[in-house]
Amino acid sequence: MQDKRMSESSTVHSSPIQGSSAPTSIPQESNKMENLAKMTLIETRLSNEKKSVFLAYVLWFFFGSFGVHCFYLGKPMSGLFRIASIWLGIILVFAIGSDGPGLINGVGALFLVIGSLLLLIDIFRIPGFARAYLDNRRMIYERNLLR
């Protein structure tokens, strides 16, 4: 009986060593661990670079007409469009010529309305901008680290 247990235990211990799958699984495990370490590094960087939605709303409230919230969330072209539409609209609305209100004032009012509507829409778009910023950063890090 004792001989039988000994032979069973020796076959159990010797089978993984003799199997052909052991040498091929070690590099795969090493590669998986390396990728896991890289993904952990990426997520750590992303958590440090995460944009505050609360701060974006504060920037929107106080400096929305300058597009500061868009610049903060990584949307510089949107920020420039906010500046151009609102401030050009303000300038054109108050540019009253010698003949009174005219076409220039109407164009200015149109720019001002468009800029104001964009600011109101940004109330709902700010969380999406913050998520998109993180997704873009994640894609860049994955492309650079996981080649």
Protein backbone atom coordinates (compact mmCIF):
# COMPACT_ATOMS: atom_id res chain seq x y z
CA MET A 1 0.00 0.00 0.00
CA GLN A 2 2.80 2.37 0.84
CA ASP A 3 4.52 1.53 -2.44
CA LYS A 4 1.34 2.34 -4.30
CA ARG A 5 1.09 5.83 -2.68
CA MET A 6 4.71 6.49 -3.42
CA SER A 7 4.31 5.64 -7.09
CA GLU A 8 1.18 7.83 -7.38
CA SER A 9 2.90 10.81 -5.79
CA SER A 10 5.94 10.41 -7.98
CA THR A 11 3.81 10.36 -11.13
CA VAL A 12 1.89 13.42 -10.00
CA HIS A 13 5.09 15.39 -9.35
CA SER A 14 6.89 14.26 -12.45
CA SER A 15 4.10 14.82 -14.99
CA PRO A 16 4.26 18.64 -15.16
CA ILE A 17 8.01 18.52 -15.63
CA GLN A 18 7.81 15.97 -18.42
CA GLY A 19 4.90 17.70 -20.19
CA SER A 20 5.65 19.77 -23.28
CA SER A 21 3.35 22.58 -22.20
CA ALA A 22 5.54 23.82 -19.34
CA PRO A 23 8.27 25.47 -21.46
CA THR A 24 5.75 27.27 -23.70
CA SER A 25 3.57 28.57 -20.85
CA ILE A 26 6.42 30.26 -18.97
CA PRO A 27 7.05 32.92 -21.67
CA GLN A 28 3.30 33.45 -22.01
CA GLU A 29 2.98 33.99 -18.27
CA SER A 30 5.92 36.38 -18.33
CA ASN A 31 4.32 38.32 -21.20
CA LYS A 32 0.98 38.46 -19.36
CA MET A 33 2.67 39.76 -16.21
CA GLU A 34 4.56 42.38 -18.21
CA ASN A 35 1.34 43.56 -19.89
CA LEU A 36 -0.42 43.63 -16.52
CA ALA A 37 2.37 45.79 -15.10
CA LYS A 38 2.15 48.14 -18.10
CA MET A 39 -1.64 48.41 -17.77
CA THR A 40 -1.24 49.20 -14.07
CA LEU A 41 1.23 51.93 -14.96
CA ILE A 42 -1.21 53.35 -17.53
CA GLU A 43 -4.11 53.39 -15.06
CA THR A 44 -1.91 55.05 -12.43
CA ARG A 45 -0.93 57.79 -14.86
CA LEU A 46 -4.55 58.27 -15.88
CA SER A 47 -5.72 58.59 -12.30
CA ASN A 48 -3.11 61.32 -11.79
CA GLU A 49 -4.16 63.16 -14.97
CA LYS A 50 -7.91 62.87 -14.44
CA LYS A 51 -9.71 66.15 -15.00
CA SER A 52 -12.11 67.36 -12.32
CA VAL A 53 -15.66 67.76 -13.58
CA PHE A 54 -16.41 70.06 -10.65
CA LEU A 55 -13.51 72.35 -11.57
CA ALA A 56 -14.64 72.33 -15.20
CA TYR A 57 -18.10 73.53 -14.09
CA VAL A 58 -16.53 76.26 -11.94
CA LEU A 59 -14.44 77.39 -14.92
CA TRP A 60 -17.55 77.26 -17.11
CA PHE A 61 -19.52 79.40 -14.67
CA PHE A 62 -16.90 82.13 -14.19
CA PHE A 63 -14.93 82.06 -17.47
CA GLY A 64 -17.27 80.33 -19.92
CA SER A 65 -17.28 83.20 -22.38
CA PHE A 66 -13.51 82.82 -22.69
CA GLY A 67 -13.78 79.05 -23.28
CA VAL A 68 -11.47 78.25 -20.36
CA HIS A 69 -13.40 75.09 -19.49
CA CYS A 70 -12.81 73.79 -23.03
CA PHE A 71 -9.09 74.46 -22.82
CA TYR A 72 -8.97 72.70 -19.44
CA LEU A 73 -10.71 69.62 -20.85
CA GLY A 74 -8.40 69.36 -23.85
CA LYS A 75 -10.71 70.92 -26.46
CA PRO A 76 -8.76 74.00 -27.62
CA MET A 77 -10.64 74.47 -30.89
CA SER A 78 -13.95 74.53 -29.00
CA GLY A 79 -12.48 77.10 -26.64
CA LEU A 80 -11.36 79.30 -29.52
CA PHE A 81 -14.79 79.03 -31.12
CA ARG A 82 -16.44 80.12 -27.84
CA ILE A 83 -14.13 83.14 -27.64
CA ALA A 84 -14.70 84.09 -31.28
CA SER A 85 -18.46 83.69 -31.29
CA ILE A 86 -19.25 85.41 -28.00
CA TRP A 87 -16.77 88.25 -28.09
CA LEU A 88 -17.17 88.95 -31.79
CA GLY A 89 -20.92 89.00 -31.18
CA ILE A 90 -20.54 91.46 -28.30
CA ILE A 91 -18.30 93.73 -30.35
CA LEU A 92 -20.63 93.69 -33.37
CA VAL A 93 -23.79 94.25 -31.30
CA PHE A 94 -22.35 97.41 -29.79
CA ALA A 95 -20.84 98.65 -33.04
CA ILE A 96 -23.58 101.10 -33.86
CA GLY A 97 -22.78 103.19 -36.89
CA SER A 98 -23.94 106.68 -37.69
CA ASP A 99 -27.13 105.37 -39.28
CA GLY A 100 -28.26 103.33 -36.24
CA PRO A 101 -28.70 99.59 -35.83
CA GLY A 102 -28.23 97.63 -39.01
CA LEU A 103 -26.89 94.47 -40.55
CA ILE A 104 -23.69 94.48 -38.49
CA ASN A 105 -25.68 94.52 -35.27
CA GLY A 106 -27.87 91.67 -36.52
CA VAL A 107 -24.82 89.56 -37.39
CA GLY A 108 -23.39 90.35 -33.96
CA ALA A 109 -26.61 89.24 -32.30
CA LEU A 110 -26.51 86.01 -34.30
CA PHE A 111 -22.94 85.29 -33.15
CA LEU A 112 -23.92 86.10 -29.58
CA VAL A 113 -26.93 83.77 -29.69
CA ILE A 114 -24.86 80.93 -31.16
CA GLY A 115 -22.12 81.38 -28.55
CA SER A 116 -24.65 81.54 -25.72
CA LEU A 117 -26.40 78.38 -26.91
CA LEU A 118 -23.07 76.58 -27.07
CA LEU A 119 -22.36 77.63 -23.50
CA LEU A 120 -25.72 76.28 -22.36
CA ILE A 121 -25.14 73.00 -24.20
CA ASP A 122 -21.74 72.70 -22.50
CA ILE A 123 -23.55 72.18 -19.18
CA PHE A 124 -24.46 68.72 -20.42
CA ARG A 125 -21.29 68.04 -22.42
CA ILE A 126 -18.66 68.68 -19.72
CA PRO A 127 -18.76 65.13 -18.21
CA GLY A 128 -18.41 63.66 -21.70
CA PHE A 129 -15.46 65.94 -22.43
CA ALA A 130 -13.75 64.71 -19.25
CA ARG A 131 -14.31 61.04 -20.21
CA ALA A 132 -13.12 61.67 -23.76
CA TYR A 133 -9.95 63.30 -22.42
CA LEU A 134 -9.17 60.18 -20.36
CA ASP A 135 -9.98 57.86 -23.25
CA ASN A 136 -7.66 59.78 -25.56
CA ARG A 137 -4.84 59.70 -23.01
CA ARG A 138 -5.41 55.95 -22.44
CA MET A 139 -5.19 55.29 -26.17
CA ILE A 140 -1.93 57.25 -26.44
CA TYR A 141 -0.36 55.43 -23.48
CA GLU A 142 -1.47 52.02 -24.72
CA ARG A 143 -0.08 52.74 -28.18
CA ASN A 144 3.28 53.80 -26.71
CA LEU A 145 3.66 51.18 -23.96
CA LEU A 146 2.02 48.07 -25.37
CA ARG A 147 3.78 47.84 -28.73
